[in-house]
Amino acid sequence: MKGKTLSAQLKKASVVSAQTVADRLVALREERGFSQSRLAELAGVDRKTINRIENGHFSPSLDTLTRLSVVLKCRLAELVDHKRSRK
């Protein structure tokens, strides 16, 4: 019984996390004036990867998140935790 509850909690947390990263990436990319293509080029990832992240269909690796944070000139926390983002 506890296993199913934990599994459901993990799945929900994963969905919330993916949506947070998606929302933050869109906001930061647009604030910086980057297209998906330009951000992908500068970060060394495929444009489709940016699109999938922004649509919540892909959970980026730490390496990808780090590349994005460097290009966007933000702390990694700003990409993954909306509560820690600078306004």
N, C-alpha and C. Protein backbone atom coordinates (compact mmCIF):
# COMPACT_ATOMS: atom_id res chain seq x y z
N MET A 1 0.82 -1.20 0.00
CA MET A 1 0.00 0.00 0.00
C MET A 1 0.87 1.27 0.00
N LYS A 2 1.89 1.30 0.86
CA LYS A 2 2.75 2.47 0.92
C LYS A 2 3.51 2.68 -0.38
N GLY A 3 3.89 1.58 -1.04
CA GLY A 3 4.61 1.66 -2.31
C GLY A 3 3.82 2.39 -3.37
N LYS A 4 2.53 2.13 -3.44
CA LYS A 4 1.68 2.81 -4.43
C LYS A 4 1.57 4.29 -4.09
N THR A 5 1.48 4.60 -2.84
CA THR A 5 1.38 6.00 -2.43
C THR A 5 2.67 6.73 -2.77
N LEU A 6 3.79 6.12 -2.46
CA LEU A 6 5.08 6.73 -2.77
C LEU A 6 5.24 6.88 -4.28
N SER A 7 4.86 5.88 -5.02
CA SER A 7 4.95 5.94 -6.47
C SER A 7 4.11 7.08 -7.03
N ALA A 8 2.91 7.25 -6.52
CA ALA A 8 2.04 8.34 -6.97
C ALA A 8 2.64 9.69 -6.61
N GLN A 9 3.24 9.79 -5.42
CA GLN A 9 3.86 11.05 -5.00
C GLN A 9 5.05 11.39 -5.88
N LEU A 10 5.85 10.38 -6.20
CA LEU A 10 7.02 10.61 -7.06
C LEU A 10 6.60 11.04 -8.45
N LYS A 11 5.57 10.40 -8.99
CA LYS A 11 5.08 10.77 -10.31
C LYS A 11 4.57 12.20 -10.32
N LYS A 12 3.81 12.58 -9.30
CA LYS A 12 3.28 13.94 -9.21
C LYS A 12 4.42 14.95 -9.09
N ALA A 13 5.42 14.64 -8.26
CA ALA A 13 6.55 15.54 -8.08
C ALA A 13 7.32 15.70 -9.38
N SER A 14 7.45 14.63 -10.13
CA SER A 14 8.15 14.67 -11.41
C SER A 14 7.42 15.57 -12.41
N VAL A 15 6.11 15.46 -12.46
CA VAL A 15 5.31 16.29 -13.37
C VAL A 15 5.41 17.75 -12.97
N VAL A 16 5.32 18.04 -11.67
CA VAL A 16 5.41 19.42 -11.18
C VAL A 16 6.79 19.98 -11.49
N SER A 17 7.82 19.18 -11.28
CA SER A 17 9.19 19.60 -11.55
C SER A 17 9.39 19.91 -13.04
N ALA A 18 8.92 19.04 -13.90
CA ALA A 18 9.04 19.26 -15.35
C ALA A 18 8.32 20.53 -15.78
N GLN A 19 7.16 20.78 -15.20
CA GLN A 19 6.40 21.98 -15.55
C GLN A 19 7.10 23.24 -15.04
N THR A 20 7.71 23.16 -13.86
CA THR A 20 8.46 24.30 -13.33
C THR A 20 9.63 24.64 -14.24
N VAL A 21 10.39 23.62 -14.63
CA VAL A 21 11.52 23.85 -15.53
C VAL A 21 11.02 24.42 -16.86
N ALA A 22 9.94 23.88 -17.36
CA ALA A 22 9.37 24.36 -18.63
C ALA A 22 8.99 25.83 -18.52
N ASP A 23 8.26 26.18 -17.49
CA ASP A 23 7.82 27.57 -17.31
C ASP A 23 8.99 28.52 -17.13
N ARG A 24 9.97 28.11 -16.32
CA ARG A 24 11.12 28.97 -16.06
C ARG A 24 11.97 29.14 -17.32
N LEU A 25 12.14 28.06 -18.09
CA LEU A 25 12.95 28.16 -19.30
C LEU A 25 12.31 29.10 -20.31
N VAL A 26 11.03 28.98 -20.51
CA VAL A 26 10.33 29.89 -21.43
C VAL A 26 10.50 31.33 -20.97
N ALA A 27 10.24 31.59 -19.69
CA ALA A 27 10.31 32.96 -19.16
C ALA A 27 11.72 33.53 -19.30
N LEU A 28 12.72 32.77 -18.89
CA LEU A 28 14.10 33.27 -18.97
C LEU A 28 14.55 33.44 -20.41
N ARG A 29 14.20 32.51 -21.27
CA ARG A 29 14.58 32.61 -22.69
C ARG A 29 13.98 33.86 -23.31
N GLU A 30 12.70 34.09 -23.04
CA GLU A 30 12.03 35.27 -23.62
C GLU A 30 12.56 36.56 -23.01
N GLU A 31 12.84 36.58 -21.71
CA GLU A 31 13.42 37.76 -21.07
C GLU A 31 14.76 38.13 -21.69
N ARG A 32 15.53 37.11 -22.09
CA ARG A 32 16.85 37.34 -22.67
C ARG A 32 16.78 37.58 -24.17
N GLY A 33 15.60 37.42 -24.74
CA GLY A 33 15.43 37.70 -26.17
C GLY A 33 15.94 36.62 -27.10
N PHE A 34 16.02 35.38 -26.61
CA PHE A 34 16.48 34.28 -27.43
C PHE A 34 15.32 33.52 -28.06
N SER A 35 15.52 33.10 -29.29
CA SER A 35 14.60 32.13 -29.90
C SER A 35 15.03 30.76 -29.39
N GLN A 36 14.17 29.77 -29.58
CA GLN A 36 14.56 28.41 -29.21
C GLN A 36 15.80 27.99 -29.98
N SER A 37 15.86 28.34 -31.24
CA SER A 37 16.99 27.95 -32.09
C SER A 37 18.30 28.57 -31.60
N ARG A 38 18.25 29.84 -31.28
CA ARG A 38 19.47 30.53 -30.82
C ARG A 38 19.94 29.99 -29.48
N LEU A 39 19.01 29.78 -28.56
CA LEU A 39 19.37 29.22 -27.26
C LEU A 39 19.99 27.83 -27.44
N ALA A 40 19.39 27.03 -28.27
CA ALA A 40 19.92 25.68 -28.52
C ALA A 40 21.32 25.75 -29.10
N GLU A 41 21.52 26.63 -30.05
CA GLU A 41 22.83 26.77 -30.69
C GLU A 41 23.89 27.16 -29.66
N LEU A 42 23.60 28.16 -28.85
CA LEU A 42 24.56 28.63 -27.86
C LEU A 42 24.84 27.59 -26.77
N ALA A 43 23.81 26.83 -26.40
CA ALA A 43 23.96 25.82 -25.34
C ALA A 43 24.51 24.49 -25.86
N GLY A 44 24.57 24.34 -27.18
CA GLY A 44 25.09 23.11 -27.75
C GLY A 44 24.13 21.94 -27.65
N VAL A 45 22.84 22.25 -27.76
CA VAL A 45 21.81 21.20 -27.76
C VAL A 45 20.92 21.38 -28.99
N ASP A 46 20.13 20.40 -29.27
CA ASP A 46 19.23 20.46 -30.41
C ASP A 46 18.03 21.35 -30.09
N ARG A 47 17.53 22.07 -31.10
CA ARG A 47 16.37 22.92 -30.89
C ARG A 47 15.17 22.11 -30.43
N LYS A 48 15.04 20.89 -30.93
CA LYS A 48 13.93 20.03 -30.51
C LYS A 48 14.00 19.73 -29.01
N THR A 49 15.21 19.68 -28.47
CA THR A 49 15.37 19.45 -27.03
C THR A 49 14.79 20.62 -26.25
N ILE A 50 15.08 21.83 -26.69
CA ILE A 50 14.53 23.03 -26.04
C ILE A 50 13.01 22.98 -26.11
N ASN A 51 12.49 22.66 -27.28
CA ASN A 51 11.04 22.58 -27.46
C ASN A 51 10.42 21.54 -26.53
N ARG A 52 11.03 20.38 -26.44
CA ARG A 52 10.50 19.31 -25.58
C ARG A 52 10.54 19.71 -24.11
N ILE A 53 11.62 20.36 -23.70
CA ILE A 53 11.71 20.82 -22.30
C ILE A 53 10.62 21.84 -22.03
N GLU A 54 10.46 22.81 -22.92
CA GLU A 54 9.47 23.88 -22.72
C GLU A 54 8.04 23.35 -22.74
N ASN A 55 7.83 22.23 -23.40
CA ASN A 55 6.48 21.65 -23.43
C ASN A 55 6.28 20.58 -22.36
N GLY A 56 7.29 20.41 -21.50
CA GLY A 56 7.18 19.45 -20.41
C GLY A 56 7.24 18.00 -20.84
N HIS A 57 7.78 17.74 -22.03
CA HIS A 57 7.85 16.38 -22.55
C HIS A 57 9.22 15.74 -22.37
N PHE A 58 10.14 16.46 -21.77
CA PHE A 58 11.50 15.96 -21.63
C PHE A 58 12.09 16.47 -20.33
N SER A 59 12.71 15.60 -19.59
CA SER A 59 13.38 15.97 -18.34
C SER A 59 14.87 16.12 -18.63
N PRO A 60 15.37 17.34 -18.63
CA PRO A 60 16.76 17.56 -19.02
C PRO A 60 17.75 17.03 -17.99
N SER A 61 18.91 16.64 -18.48
CA SER A 61 19.99 16.19 -17.61
C SER A 61 20.59 17.40 -16.88
N LEU A 62 21.37 17.11 -15.87
CA LEU A 62 22.07 18.16 -15.16
C LEU A 62 23.00 18.91 -16.10
N ASP A 63 23.64 18.20 -16.99
CA ASP A 63 24.53 18.83 -17.97
C ASP A 63 23.76 19.84 -18.84
N THR A 64 22.60 19.44 -19.32
CA THR A 64 21.80 20.33 -20.17
C THR A 64 21.32 21.54 -19.36
N LEU A 65 20.86 21.32 -18.15
CA LEU A 65 20.43 22.44 -17.30
C LEU A 65 21.59 23.40 -17.03
N THR A 66 22.76 22.85 -16.81
CA THR A 66 23.94 23.70 -16.56
C THR A 66 24.27 24.52 -17.79
N ARG A 67 24.26 23.90 -18.97
CA ARG A 67 24.52 24.62 -20.22
C ARG A 67 23.52 25.77 -20.40
N LEU A 68 22.25 25.47 -20.14
CA LEU A 68 21.21 26.49 -20.30
C LEU A 68 21.40 27.63 -19.31
N SER A 69 21.74 27.30 -18.08
CA SER A 69 21.92 28.36 -17.07
C SER A 69 23.11 29.25 -17.41
N VAL A 70 24.17 28.67 -17.98
CA VAL A 70 25.32 29.47 -18.39
C VAL A 70 24.92 30.44 -19.50
N VAL A 71 24.24 29.94 -20.52
CA VAL A 71 23.83 30.78 -21.64
C VAL A 71 22.84 31.85 -21.18
N LEU A 72 21.91 31.47 -20.30
CA LEU A 72 20.90 32.42 -19.83
C LEU A 72 21.41 33.32 -18.72
N LYS A 73 22.65 33.09 -18.27
CA LYS A 73 23.29 33.88 -17.21
C LYS A 73 22.42 33.93 -15.96
N CYS A 74 22.07 32.73 -15.52
CA CYS A 74 21.27 32.62 -14.30
C CYS A 74 21.80 31.46 -13.46
N ARG A 75 21.41 31.45 -12.22
CA ARG A 75 21.77 30.32 -11.36
C ARG A 75 20.94 29.11 -11.76
N LEU A 76 21.50 27.95 -11.57
CA LEU A 76 20.77 26.72 -11.87
C LEU A 76 19.44 26.69 -11.11
N ALA A 77 19.45 27.17 -9.88
CA ALA A 77 18.23 27.19 -9.06
C ALA A 77 17.11 27.98 -9.73
N GLU A 78 17.45 28.97 -10.51
CA GLU A 78 16.42 29.76 -11.19
C GLU A 78 15.68 28.96 -12.24
N LEU A 79 16.32 27.94 -12.75
CA LEU A 79 15.68 27.08 -13.75
C LEU A 79 14.81 26.00 -13.13
N VAL A 80 15.16 25.58 -11.93
CA VAL A 80 14.47 24.42 -11.38
C VAL A 80 13.54 24.72 -10.21
N ASP A 81 13.62 25.92 -9.67
CA ASP A 81 12.78 26.24 -8.50
C ASP A 81 12.23 27.66 -8.62
N HIS A 82 10.96 27.76 -8.96
CA HIS A 82 10.37 29.09 -9.15
C HIS A 82 10.41 29.93 -7.89
N LYS A 83 10.47 29.32 -6.72
CA LYS A 83 10.50 30.07 -5.46
C LYS A 83 11.83 30.77 -5.26
N ARG A 84 12.89 30.24 -5.89
CA ARG A 84 14.22 30.81 -5.72
C ARG A 84 14.60 31.73 -6.85
N SER A 85 13.72 31.93 -7.80
CA SER A 85 14.06 32.77 -8.94
C SER A 85 14.05 34.24 -8.57
N ARG A 86 14.89 34.98 -9.27
CA ARG A 86 14.93 36.42 -9.06
C ARG A 86 13.80 37.05 -9.83
N LYS A 87 13.19 38.04 -9.24
CA LYS A 87 12.10 38.77 -9.92
C LYS A 87 12.65 39.95 -10.66
